Amino acid sequence: MNIIARQINRPMTLGSATVVIGASLFLGLILGIIRTKLINDTFNHWTTGAYFGAFKLPEFIFYTLAAGALSVSFIPVLSEKLQLKSRLEAWRLTSSILNAVALLMLALCLVMIIFPEPILKYIIVPGFSEARLEITAQIMRLAAIGPFVFSIASILSSVQQAINRFLYLAIAPIFYNLAIIASIYLFKDSMGIVCLGLGAAFGGVLNLMILGFGMNRLGFRHRWIIDFRDKAFKQVFKALPFRSFDQGIIYINSIVQTRLASSLSIHAITNFENALILYSAPISLLGVALGMAAFPRFANHLARGQPSKFKKDFLEILRGIFWATIPVVVVSYVSRDLMAKIIFSRGNQEIALIFGWLCLGILFRTLYAIISRFYYAQKDTKTPLIVTLVGFGVNICLSWYLSYEFGVIGFGMATSIVAGLEIAILIYLIHIRNPNLFNITFIKRLLHIIVVSLGTVAITFLLTRFIFVQAHDSAFDSIFKIGLIFSVVGLMHFGLSYLFKVPEAYKLLGYITRQFVRIKKIFYHDRGV
């Protein structure tokens, strides 16, 4: 048992961290799809629209002021403290950041609890009826607890990322979905859809408790201070507005789309949110997992004065994520009807159509998770912000125009177009500042991956001639078919890559082999062999 405890608390390599976070995200996404499916099956469009609308502002506040925004600003500064100073100074900085953010979030949460109706009526869902608005406000009051709890959790998560401990932050989000699922079974009859707000609040507390356990053995001692004179404290909050604004624009865009959708049809918000859940799944599994694991590594290289290692790791990860994402995008597109069948068991063609357009953006948003961290690791939060501002303006204009022409499906079109535009601009700016970064070797290897991936695309479309969605398919039938398509395509993609000597395939095989050897050693050591 001591060996297991040491394995849990040890720092992780990039590969191990990516696998742990990816596995956790995969389980979390499965639970998220189950959660959404249960919501769709248990409640009607009238009430599910209220549920999705109620969470827009709490999510906006959390993701704008905490979450990725805070970690991007905090982790590089904390890494410098840990590398060049002492843990005592690092913990003092952590306490100051934690206390300042908690006070700010508490104030904002109280505003949402006291004034939900006018916020919803005039900003989020002006197209809702009074009765629908009242239910939305009830859910929002409970959901308002989330930003306060999750902001504290985000700081604890950032500390553990900086020290390369990923297990607890990987496990914690799972309990959030479990709490919401449990609330459906326990309180749906007595509270109706408002029970989802209660489940989200309780799930947030569980998430914080797990991350609190993760601080064990780090030697962290919280202090009730806010040191405004500390240079590191100022540095974090100086960088935070740019990243917060960048992150916030994404959710402002989501709020605008929700506002537009509230006037389209009674099912527009629910269908678009369902499609977004399917769209976010591969992005989280590939981009977010690898981005979370790679960012502390990038920051540490730069903190130690090793820019060449930073750039080398960036290029390797960029190629790897490109290689891994292409078959996922293809499988997602050809399986769009099956996926819509899973998340909405009664069948919903509009979800499938929206998701089909969103599939085009999966590759771009996954690449964004790594490319943006190239800037953040260098403490440049301004450039991604400016690019996001450009994307925001284009997205709002496209969403308004395309929704007028194509209804809620236009949101999917606009989202993918803008995702591609943002990646093109960010890569161009990297090339301008680092003209030798994307050298001929990198381009040749990327073209090598593209050529092999064309074979994967051909195999996928050939396979779907024999496996397709049928009207009588159950959710289990759809899951089986998607699993079969993904397994065959994944094996063929790996096989073609290995056959044509794509380095990423050899690296994956080497990593899997090393993990089997390590697990075998732990097993035999634990048995005293």
Protein backbone atom coordinates (compact mmCIF):
# COMPACT_ATOMS: atom_id res chain seq x y z
CA MET A 1 0.00 0.00 0.00
CA ASN A 2 2.92 2.36 0.68
CA ILE A 3 4.12 1.79 -2.89
CA ILE A 4 0.67 2.74 -4.20
CA ALA A 5 0.65 5.86 -2.01
CA ARG A 6 4.05 6.89 -3.33
CA GLN A 7 2.90 6.36 -6.93
CA ILE A 8 -0.16 8.54 -6.31
CA ASN A 9 1.84 11.40 -4.83
CA ARG A 10 4.89 11.32 -7.12
CA PRO A 11 5.44 13.96 -9.84
CA MET A 12 4.39 12.77 -13.31
CA THR A 13 6.08 12.83 -16.68
CA LEU A 14 4.35 14.56 -19.60
CA GLY A 15 3.15 11.23 -21.02
CA SER A 16 1.81 9.92 -17.71
CA ALA A 17 0.13 13.22 -16.89
CA THR A 18 -1.54 13.31 -20.31
CA VAL A 19 -2.82 9.75 -19.91
CA VAL A 20 -4.13 10.37 -16.38
CA ILE A 21 -5.84 13.63 -17.31
CA GLY A 22 -7.11 12.16 -20.59
CA ALA A 23 -8.54 9.10 -18.83
CA SER A 24 -10.22 11.32 -16.25
CA LEU A 25 -11.61 13.64 -18.91
CA PHE A 26 -12.85 10.63 -20.87
CA LEU A 27 -14.70 9.30 -17.82
CA GLY A 28 -15.95 12.79 -17.03
CA LEU A 29 -17.21 13.23 -20.58
CA ILE A 30 -18.97 9.87 -20.51
CA LEU A 31 -20.63 10.93 -17.26
CA GLY A 32 -21.41 14.31 -18.82
CA ILE A 33 -23.11 12.67 -21.79
CA ILE A 34 -25.03 10.36 -19.42
CA ARG A 35 -26.00 13.41 -17.36
CA THR A 36 -27.23 15.30 -20.45
CA LYS A 37 -29.03 12.22 -21.77
CA LEU A 38 -30.83 11.80 -18.43
CA ILE A 39 -31.78 15.49 -18.47
CA ASN A 40 -33.14 15.17 -22.03
CA ASP A 41 -35.06 11.98 -21.16
CA THR A 42 -36.42 13.27 -17.83
CA PHE A 43 -37.40 16.83 -18.72
CA ASN A 44 -38.85 18.59 -21.77
CA HIS A 45 -37.37 21.31 -24.01
CA TRP A 46 -39.19 24.02 -22.08
CA THR A 47 -37.40 23.18 -18.83
CA THR A 48 -34.03 22.02 -20.27
CA GLY A 49 -33.70 25.38 -21.99
CA ALA A 50 -34.12 26.98 -18.55
CA TYR A 51 -31.38 24.72 -17.14
CA PHE A 52 -28.85 25.60 -19.84
CA GLY A 53 -29.72 29.30 -19.66
CA ALA A 54 -29.34 29.40 -15.86
CA PHE A 55 -25.71 28.26 -15.99
CA LYS A 56 -24.52 30.78 -18.59
CA LEU A 57 -23.60 33.64 -16.24
CA PRO A 58 -22.09 31.48 -13.43
CA GLU A 59 -19.96 29.70 -16.05
CA PHE A 60 -18.98 33.03 -17.59
CA ILE A 61 -17.84 34.43 -14.23
CA PHE A 62 -15.92 31.30 -13.26
CA TYR A 63 -14.16 30.78 -16.59
CA THR A 64 -13.42 34.49 -16.96
CA LEU A 65 -11.90 35.16 -13.55
CA ALA A 66 -10.66 31.71 -12.54
CA ALA A 67 -10.30 28.36 -14.31
CA GLY A 68 -7.85 28.52 -17.21
CA ALA A 69 -7.43 32.30 -16.94
CA LEU A 70 -6.05 32.17 -13.40
CA SER A 71 -3.90 29.08 -13.95
CA VAL A 72 -2.29 30.58 -17.06
CA SER A 73 -1.34 33.71 -15.09
CA PHE A 74 -0.48 31.93 -11.83
CA ILE A 75 1.46 28.80 -12.86
CA PRO A 76 4.46 30.53 -14.58
CA VAL A 77 4.94 32.87 -11.58
CA LEU A 78 4.51 30.04 -9.07
CA SER A 79 6.96 27.88 -11.06
CA GLU A 80 9.58 30.62 -10.79
CA LYS A 81 9.02 30.81 -7.02
CA LEU A 82 9.40 27.04 -6.68
CA GLN A 83 12.47 26.88 -8.94
CA LEU A 84 14.36 29.99 -7.85
CA LYS A 85 13.07 30.86 -4.37
CA SER A 86 11.50 28.63 -1.73
CA ARG A 87 8.24 26.81 -1.05
CA LEU A 88 7.60 29.16 1.87
CA GLU A 89 7.45 32.13 -0.51
CA ALA A 90 5.40 30.07 -2.97
CA TRP A 91 2.82 29.25 -0.27
CA ARG A 92 2.65 32.88 0.82
CA LEU A 93 1.88 33.90 -2.77
CA THR A 94 -0.70 31.10 -3.06
CA SER A 95 -2.50 32.27 0.09
CA SER A 96 -2.63 35.86 -1.15
CA ILE A 97 -4.04 34.84 -4.54
CA LEU A 98 -6.54 32.45 -2.97
CA ASN A 99 -7.89 35.02 -0.50
CA ALA A 100 -8.17 37.80 -3.07
CA VAL A 101 -9.97 35.63 -5.63
CA ALA A 102 -12.30 34.13 -2.99
CA LEU A 103 -13.43 37.59 -1.82
CA LEU A 104 -14.06 38.75 -5.38
CA MET A 105 -16.00 35.62 -6.28
CA LEU A 106 -18.07 35.78 -3.09
CA ALA A 107 -19.23 39.29 -3.98
CA LEU A 108 -20.18 38.29 -7.53
CA CYS A 109 -22.00 35.18 -6.35
CA LEU A 110 -24.10 37.24 -3.94
CA VAL A 111 -25.14 39.51 -6.83
CA MET A 112 -26.33 36.47 -8.83
CA ILE A 113 -28.22 35.08 -5.84
CA ILE A 114 -29.98 38.38 -5.08
CA PHE A 115 -30.71 39.63 -8.62
CA PRO A 116 -31.17 36.62 -10.95
CA GLU A 117 -34.43 37.76 -12.61
CA PRO A 118 -33.27 41.08 -14.10
CA ILE A 119 -29.93 39.55 -15.16
CA LEU A 120 -31.70 36.76 -17.03
CA LYS A 121 -34.51 38.90 -18.44
CA TYR A 122 -32.38 41.72 -19.84
CA ILE A 123 -29.09 39.93 -20.66
CA ILE A 124 -29.21 36.12 -21.01
CA VAL A 125 -32.65 34.93 -22.17
CA PRO A 126 -34.88 37.90 -23.09
CA GLY A 127 -37.03 35.61 -25.23
CA PHE A 128 -38.21 33.49 -22.27
CA SER A 129 -41.75 33.72 -20.91
CA GLU A 130 -42.26 34.84 -17.29
CA ALA A 131 -42.94 31.28 -16.10
CA ARG A 132 -39.84 29.92 -17.83
CA LEU A 133 -37.80 32.84 -16.49
CA GLU A 134 -38.88 32.07 -12.91
CA ILE A 135 -37.61 28.46 -13.11
CA THR A 136 -34.37 29.66 -14.70
CA ALA A 137 -33.86 32.10 -11.80
CA GLN A 138 -34.38 29.34 -9.20
CA ILE A 139 -31.71 27.18 -10.84
CA MET A 140 -29.35 30.14 -11.20
CA ARG A 141 -29.47 30.92 -7.46
CA LEU A 142 -28.12 27.45 -6.71
CA ALA A 143 -25.67 27.48 -9.63
CA ALA A 144 -24.27 30.80 -8.34
CA ILE A 145 -22.42 28.92 -5.57
CA GLY A 146 -20.27 27.25 -8.22
CA PRO A 147 -17.94 30.15 -9.18
CA PHE A 148 -16.93 30.70 -5.53
CA VAL A 149 -16.19 27.04 -4.85
CA PHE A 150 -14.55 26.32 -8.21
CA SER A 151 -12.33 29.42 -8.06
CA ILE A 152 -10.75 28.14 -4.84
CA ALA A 153 -10.46 24.68 -6.40
CA SER A 154 -8.79 26.20 -9.48
CA ILE A 155 -5.99 27.70 -7.35
CA LEU A 156 -5.38 24.39 -5.57
CA SER A 157 -5.37 22.70 -8.98
CA SER A 158 -2.80 25.19 -10.32
CA VAL A 159 -0.46 24.50 -7.40
CA GLN A 160 -0.60 20.77 -8.08
CA GLN A 161 -0.03 21.31 -11.81
CA ALA A 162 3.05 23.41 -11.08
CA ILE A 163 4.49 20.52 -9.05
CA ASN A 164 3.48 17.97 -11.72
CA ARG A 165 0.89 16.24 -9.53
CA PHE A 166 -2.15 15.55 -11.68
CA LEU A 167 -4.05 12.66 -10.13
CA TYR A 168 -6.29 14.60 -7.71
CA LEU A 169 -7.12 17.36 -10.19
CA ALA A 170 -7.97 14.61 -12.71
CA ILE A 171 -10.30 12.80 -10.29
CA ALA A 172 -12.08 15.82 -8.75
CA PRO A 173 -14.31 16.86 -11.73
CA ILE A 174 -15.77 13.35 -11.96
CA PHE A 175 -17.65 13.90 -8.68
CA TYR A 176 -19.31 17.02 -10.10
CA ASN A 177 -21.12 15.02 -12.77
CA LEU A 178 -21.92 12.23 -10.33
CA ALA A 179 -23.57 14.72 -7.97
CA ILE A 180 -25.80 16.12 -10.74
CA ILE A 181 -26.75 12.62 -11.89
CA ALA A 182 -27.60 11.65 -8.30
CA SER A 183 -29.74 14.79 -7.89
CA ILE A 184 -31.92 13.70 -10.84
CA TYR A 185 -32.74 10.38 -9.22
CA LEU A 186 -33.14 11.77 -5.70
CA PHE A 187 -34.98 15.07 -6.17
CA LYS A 188 -36.59 15.19 -9.64
CA ASP A 189 -40.05 14.42 -8.25
CA SER A 190 -39.90 16.96 -5.41
CA MET A 191 -37.91 19.78 -7.03
CA GLY A 192 -38.29 19.24 -10.77
CA ILE A 193 -35.44 20.52 -12.92
CA VAL A 194 -34.35 22.86 -10.10
CA CYS A 195 -32.73 19.76 -8.56
CA LEU A 196 -29.92 20.12 -11.13
CA GLY A 197 -28.85 23.38 -9.50
CA LEU A 198 -28.66 21.64 -6.11
CA GLY A 199 -26.63 18.80 -7.61
CA ALA A 200 -24.21 21.27 -9.24
CA ALA A 201 -23.69 23.12 -5.93
CA PHE A 202 -23.01 19.90 -4.01
CA GLY A 203 -20.76 18.61 -6.82
CA GLY A 204 -18.68 21.78 -6.62
CA VAL A 205 -18.10 21.23 -2.89
CA LEU A 206 -17.02 17.61 -3.53
CA ASN A 207 -14.64 18.81 -6.24
CA LEU A 208 -13.02 21.24 -3.79
CA MET A 209 -12.69 18.57 -1.09
CA ILE A 210 -10.83 16.18 -3.45
CA LEU A 211 -8.39 18.91 -4.49
CA GLY A 212 -7.93 19.75 -0.81
CA PHE A 213 -6.77 16.16 -0.23
CA GLY A 214 -4.37 16.63 -3.13
CA MET A 215 -2.54 19.37 -1.19
CA ASN A 216 -1.51 16.72 1.33
CA ARG A 217 2.27 16.21 1.68
CA LEU A 218 3.04 19.44 -0.19
CA GLY A 219 3.64 21.31 3.06
CA PHE A 220 1.12 24.03 2.18
CA ARG A 221 -0.20 26.10 5.07
CA HIS A 222 -2.89 28.65 4.30
CA ARG A 223 -2.44 32.16 5.69
CA TRP A 224 -5.14 34.81 5.99
CA ILE A 225 -3.22 37.49 4.09
CA ILE A 226 -3.43 39.49 0.87
CA ASP A 227 0.00 40.93 0.17
CA PHE A 228 -0.70 43.69 -2.35
CA ARG A 229 2.97 44.80 -2.19
CA ASP A 230 4.34 41.44 -3.34
CA LYS A 231 5.81 41.76 -6.85
CA ALA A 232 4.74 38.21 -7.75
CA PHE A 233 1.17 38.96 -6.60
CA LYS A 234 1.13 42.06 -8.81
CA GLN A 235 2.59 40.08 -11.70
CA VAL A 236 -0.22 37.49 -11.54
CA PHE A 237 -2.98 40.10 -11.44
CA LYS A 238 -1.27 42.19 -14.10
CA ALA A 239 -1.39 39.26 -16.53
CA LEU A 240 -4.83 38.05 -15.38
CA PRO A 241 -7.02 40.73 -17.07
CA PHE A 242 -5.72 39.91 -20.54
CA ARG A 243 -6.25 36.17 -20.17
CA SER A 244 -9.54 36.72 -18.32
CA PHE A 245 -10.81 38.96 -21.07
CA ASP A 246 -9.63 36.41 -23.65
CA GLN A 247 -11.42 33.59 -21.82
CA GLY A 248 -14.41 35.79 -21.09
CA ILE A 249 -14.95 36.67 -24.74
CA ILE A 250 -15.53 32.98 -25.48
CA TYR A 251 -18.33 32.90 -22.91
CA ILE A 252 -19.69 36.30 -23.91
CA ASN A 253 -20.01 34.79 -27.37
CA SER A 254 -21.85 31.83 -25.82
CA ILE A 255 -24.18 34.21 -23.96
CA VAL A 256 -24.89 36.13 -27.18
CA GLN A 257 -25.67 32.89 -29.01
CA THR A 258 -27.96 31.82 -26.14
CA ARG A 259 -29.68 35.21 -26.31
CA LEU A 260 -30.22 34.79 -30.06
CA ALA A 261 -31.36 31.18 -29.63
CA SER A 262 -33.92 32.13 -26.94
CA SER A 263 -35.93 33.88 -29.68
CA LEU A 264 -35.53 31.22 -32.39
CA SER A 265 -37.56 28.27 -31.09
CA ILE A 266 -38.37 26.50 -27.84
CA HIS A 267 -35.81 23.76 -28.54
CA ALA A 268 -33.00 25.88 -30.05
CA ILE A 269 -30.98 26.36 -26.81
CA THR A 270 -31.23 22.69 -25.82
CA ASN A 271 -30.24 21.39 -29.26
CA PHE A 272 -27.26 23.73 -29.59
CA GLU A 273 -26.03 22.93 -26.05
CA ASN A 274 -26.33 19.20 -26.76
CA ALA A 275 -24.26 19.58 -29.93
CA LEU A 276 -21.67 21.63 -28.00
CA ILE A 277 -21.29 18.81 -25.45
CA LEU A 278 -20.49 16.37 -28.27
CA TYR A 279 -18.15 18.95 -29.82
CA SER A 280 -16.30 19.59 -26.54
CA ALA A 281 -15.66 15.90 -25.84
CA PRO A 282 -12.75 15.28 -28.27
CA ILE A 283 -11.34 18.76 -27.65
CA SER A 284 -11.15 18.06 -23.93
CA LEU A 285 -9.75 14.57 -24.37
CA LEU A 286 -6.96 15.64 -26.71
CA GLY A 287 -6.29 19.37 -26.47
CA VAL A 288 -7.20 20.18 -22.88
CA ALA A 289 -5.57 17.05 -21.41
CA LEU A 290 -2.29 17.58 -23.25
CA GLY A 291 -2.42 21.33 -22.71
CA MET A 292 -2.82 20.94 -18.94
CA ALA A 293 0.04 18.45 -18.82
CA ALA A 294 2.35 20.39 -21.15
CA PHE A 295 1.90 23.92 -19.79
CA PRO A 296 3.85 23.43 -16.52
CA ARG A 297 6.60 21.76 -18.57
CA PHE A 298 6.75 24.77 -20.93
CA ALA A 299 6.84 27.16 -17.98
CA ASN A 300 9.59 25.19 -16.21
CA HIS A 301 11.80 25.17 -19.34
CA LEU A 302 11.54 28.94 -19.62
CA ALA A 303 12.00 29.46 -15.86
CA ARG A 304 15.29 27.51 -16.11
CA GLY A 305 16.43 29.52 -19.14
CA GLN A 306 16.00 26.66 -21.65
CA PRO A 307 14.08 28.19 -24.61
CA SER A 308 15.41 25.58 -27.07
CA LYS A 309 13.89 22.74 -25.04
CA PHE A 310 10.64 24.70 -24.80
CA LYS A 311 10.42 25.08 -28.59
CA LYS A 312 11.42 21.46 -29.20
CA ASP A 313 8.68 20.18 -26.87
CA PHE A 314 6.15 22.54 -28.45
CA LEU A 315 6.81 21.25 -31.98
CA GLU A 316 6.71 17.60 -30.91
CA ILE A 317 3.43 18.07 -29.06
CA LEU A 318 1.94 20.07 -31.94
CA ARG A 319 2.73 17.28 -34.43
CA GLY A 320 1.48 14.63 -32.01
CA ILE A 321 -1.84 16.35 -31.41
CA PHE A 322 -2.32 16.90 -35.15
CA TRP A 323 -1.65 13.19 -35.77
CA ALA A 324 -4.07 12.09 -33.04
CA THR A 325 -6.88 14.52 -33.85
CA ILE A 326 -7.43 13.90 -37.58
CA PRO A 327 -8.98 10.39 -37.19
CA VAL A 328 -11.11 11.66 -34.29
CA VAL A 329 -12.49 14.47 -36.45
CA VAL A 330 -13.30 12.07 -39.29
CA VAL A 331 -14.95 9.51 -36.99
CA SER A 332 -16.96 12.26 -35.27
CA TYR A 333 -18.24 13.57 -38.59
CA VAL A 334 -19.28 10.23 -40.05
CA SER A 335 -20.83 9.20 -36.71
CA ARG A 336 -22.74 12.47 -36.10
CA ASP A 337 -26.17 10.84 -36.41
CA LEU A 338 -25.18 8.03 -34.06
CA MET A 339 -23.81 10.49 -31.50
CA ALA A 340 -26.98 12.59 -31.64
CA LYS A 341 -28.94 9.38 -31.05
CA ILE A 342 -26.89 8.66 -27.93
CA ILE A 343 -27.28 12.04 -26.27
CA PHE A 344 -30.93 12.47 -27.31
CA SER A 345 -32.49 9.02 -27.41
CA ARG A 346 -35.75 10.19 -29.00
CA GLY A 347 -33.75 11.17 -32.07
CA ASN A 348 -32.91 14.72 -33.11
CA GLN A 349 -31.71 15.52 -36.62
CA GLU A 350 -31.01 19.15 -35.77
CA ILE A 351 -28.40 18.14 -33.14
CA ALA A 352 -26.70 15.95 -35.75
CA LEU A 353 -26.65 18.79 -38.30
CA ILE A 354 -25.21 21.29 -35.80
CA PHE A 355 -22.58 18.79 -34.66
CA GLY A 356 -21.67 17.99 -38.27
CA TRP A 357 -20.67 21.62 -38.79
CA LEU A 358 -18.93 21.78 -35.42
CA CYS A 359 -16.78 18.77 -36.37
CA LEU A 360 -14.87 21.01 -38.74
CA GLY A 361 -13.77 23.08 -35.75
CA ILE A 362 -12.61 20.18 -33.55
CA LEU A 363 -9.13 20.12 -35.10
CA PHE A 364 -8.72 23.90 -34.79
CA ARG A 365 -9.87 24.13 -31.16
CA THR A 366 -7.69 21.16 -30.18
CA LEU A 367 -4.65 22.79 -31.76
CA TYR A 368 -5.58 26.05 -30.02
CA ALA A 369 -5.16 24.39 -26.62
CA ILE A 370 -1.44 23.91 -27.38
CA ILE A 371 -0.71 26.91 -29.61
CA SER A 372 -2.19 29.37 -27.10
CA ARG A 373 0.07 27.94 -24.39
CA PHE A 374 3.10 28.76 -26.56
CA TYR A 375 2.18 32.38 -25.87
CA TYR A 376 1.06 31.94 -22.25
CA ALA A 377 4.26 30.15 -21.22
CA GLN A 378 6.15 33.26 -22.36
CA LYS A 379 3.72 35.38 -20.29
CA ASP A 380 2.21 36.82 -23.45
CA THR A 381 -1.52 36.98 -22.81
CA LYS A 382 -2.11 40.02 -25.03
CA THR A 383 -1.66 38.35 -28.43
CA PRO A 384 -4.24 35.55 -27.88
CA LEU A 385 -6.59 38.21 -26.49
CA ILE A 386 -6.36 40.37 -29.62
CA VAL A 387 -6.88 37.32 -31.84
CA THR A 388 -9.87 36.25 -29.75
CA LEU A 389 -11.34 39.75 -30.03
CA VAL A 390 -11.12 39.54 -33.81
CA GLY A 391 -12.72 36.08 -33.70
CA PHE A 392 -15.45 37.34 -31.37
CA GLY A 393 -16.46 40.12 -33.73
CA VAL A 394 -16.53 37.78 -36.71
CA ASN A 395 -18.41 35.10 -34.76
CA ILE A 396 -21.17 37.44 -33.59
CA CYS A 397 -21.72 38.77 -37.10
CA LEU A 398 -21.72 35.27 -38.61
CA SER A 399 -23.96 33.86 -35.85
CA TRP A 400 -26.52 36.61 -36.38
CA TYR A 401 -26.49 36.31 -40.19
CA LEU A 402 -26.30 32.51 -40.45
CA SER A 403 -28.94 31.94 -37.74
CA TYR A 404 -31.24 34.22 -39.73
CA GLU A 405 -30.61 32.07 -42.81
CA PHE A 406 -30.26 28.56 -41.29
CA GLY A 407 -31.64 28.81 -37.74
CA VAL A 408 -29.59 27.41 -34.84
CA ILE A 409 -27.51 25.33 -37.30
CA GLY A 410 -25.87 28.61 -38.30
CA PHE A 411 -24.19 28.76 -34.87
CA GLY A 412 -22.30 25.57 -35.71
CA MET A 413 -21.16 27.02 -39.03
CA ALA A 414 -19.96 30.25 -37.41
CA THR A 415 -18.11 28.46 -34.60
CA SER A 416 -16.02 26.32 -36.96
CA ILE A 417 -15.20 29.15 -39.37
CA VAL A 418 -13.95 31.37 -36.54
CA ALA A 419 -11.95 28.55 -34.92
CA GLY A 420 -10.03 28.10 -38.18
CA LEU A 421 -9.48 31.85 -38.54
CA GLU A 422 -8.02 32.18 -35.03
CA ILE A 423 -5.56 29.29 -35.53
CA ALA A 424 -4.39 30.72 -38.86
CA ILE A 425 -3.66 34.11 -37.26
CA LEU A 426 -1.87 32.65 -34.22
CA ILE A 427 0.37 30.39 -36.33
CA TYR A 428 1.18 33.27 -38.68
CA LEU A 429 2.24 35.48 -35.74
CA ILE A 430 4.40 32.68 -34.30
CA HIS A 431 6.10 32.36 -37.68
CA ILE A 432 6.71 36.12 -37.88
CA ARG A 433 8.32 36.19 -34.42
CA ASN A 434 10.14 32.85 -34.79
CA PRO A 435 10.89 32.50 -38.53
CA ASN A 436 13.05 29.40 -38.04
CA LEU A 437 10.64 27.55 -35.74
CA PHE A 438 8.52 25.87 -38.43
CA ASN A 439 11.52 24.61 -40.39
CA ILE A 440 11.59 22.27 -43.38
CA THR A 441 11.93 19.20 -41.14
CA PHE A 442 8.75 20.10 -39.23
CA ILE A 443 6.84 20.77 -42.46
CA LYS A 444 7.97 17.47 -44.04
CA ARG A 445 6.87 15.50 -40.97
CA LEU A 446 3.53 17.32 -40.93
CA LEU A 447 2.97 16.52 -44.61
CA HIS A 448 3.91 12.92 -43.85
CA ILE A 449 1.14 12.79 -41.24
CA ILE A 450 -1.36 14.38 -43.64
CA VAL A 451 -0.62 11.83 -46.39
CA VAL A 452 -1.05 8.90 -43.98
CA SER A 453 -4.23 10.50 -42.61
CA LEU A 454 -5.75 10.60 -46.11
CA GLY A 455 -5.61 6.80 -46.06
CA THR A 456 -7.38 6.84 -42.70
CA VAL A 457 -10.08 9.12 -44.13
CA ALA A 458 -10.65 6.77 -47.06
CA ILE A 459 -10.93 3.74 -44.75
CA THR A 460 -13.40 5.58 -42.50
CA PHE A 461 -15.78 6.52 -45.30
CA LEU A 462 -15.55 3.00 -46.73
CA LEU A 463 -16.40 1.56 -43.32
CA THR A 464 -19.50 3.73 -42.96
CA ARG A 465 -20.96 2.15 -46.09
CA PHE A 466 -21.50 -0.94 -43.93
CA ILE A 467 -22.19 0.68 -40.55
CA PHE A 468 -24.86 3.36 -40.49
CA VAL A 469 -27.62 4.72 -38.26
CA GLN A 470 -31.07 3.15 -38.38
CA ALA A 471 -34.33 4.53 -37.03
CA HIS A 472 -34.80 1.63 -34.59
CA ASP A 473 -31.27 1.87 -33.15
CA SER A 474 -31.16 2.12 -29.35
CA ALA A 475 -28.53 4.14 -27.47
CA PHE A 476 -26.65 0.89 -26.87
CA ASP A 477 -26.70 0.10 -30.61
CA SER A 478 -25.32 3.56 -31.35
CA ILE A 479 -22.56 3.23 -28.75
CA PHE A 480 -21.58 -0.18 -30.15
CA LYS A 481 -21.43 1.15 -33.72
CA ILE A 482 -19.38 4.22 -32.73
CA GLY A 483 -17.03 2.04 -30.69
CA LEU A 484 -16.60 -0.33 -33.64
CA ILE A 485 -15.91 2.52 -36.09
CA PHE A 486 -13.48 4.23 -33.74
CA SER A 487 -11.62 1.00 -32.90
CA VAL A 488 -11.16 -0.02 -36.53
CA VAL A 489 -10.22 3.48 -37.67
CA GLY A 490 -7.85 3.97 -34.71
CA LEU A 491 -6.06 0.68 -35.35
CA MET A 492 -5.83 1.36 -39.08
CA HIS A 493 -4.51 4.89 -38.47
CA PHE A 494 -1.87 3.54 -36.08
CA GLY A 495 -1.04 0.68 -38.47
CA LEU A 496 -0.63 2.96 -41.49
CA SER A 497 1.44 5.39 -39.42
CA TYR A 498 3.67 2.59 -38.17
CA LEU A 499 4.00 1.13 -41.66
CA PHE A 500 5.00 4.49 -43.17
CA LYS A 501 7.28 5.28 -40.22
CA VAL A 502 5.45 8.25 -38.71
CA PRO A 503 7.48 9.02 -35.52
CA GLU A 504 4.38 9.64 -33.40
CA ALA A 505 3.27 6.02 -33.83
CA TYR A 506 6.64 4.75 -32.60
CA LYS A 507 6.56 7.13 -29.63
CA LEU A 508 3.08 5.93 -28.65
CA LEU A 509 4.11 2.29 -28.88
CA GLY A 510 7.25 2.99 -26.84
CA TYR A 511 5.26 4.78 -24.15
CA ILE A 512 2.73 1.94 -23.86
CA THR A 513 5.56 -0.62 -23.60
CA ARG A 514 7.29 1.38 -20.85
CA GLN A 515 4.07 1.66 -18.86
CA PHE A 516 3.47 -2.09 -19.02
CA VAL A 517 7.02 -2.71 -17.78
CA ARG A 518 6.59 -0.20 -14.94
CA ILE A 519 3.25 -1.66 -13.85
CA LYS A 520 4.75 -5.14 -13.94
CA LYS A 521 7.62 -4.02 -11.69
CA ILE A 522 5.23 -2.40 -9.21
CA PHE A 523 3.04 -5.52 -9.15
CA TYR A 524 5.89 -7.93 -8.51
CA HIS A 525 7.53 -5.59 -5.97
CA ASP A 526 4.25 -5.27 -4.05
CA ARG A 527 4.00 -9.08 -3.92
CA GLY A 528 7.60 -9.35 -2.71
CA VAL A 529 8.74 -11.19 -5.84
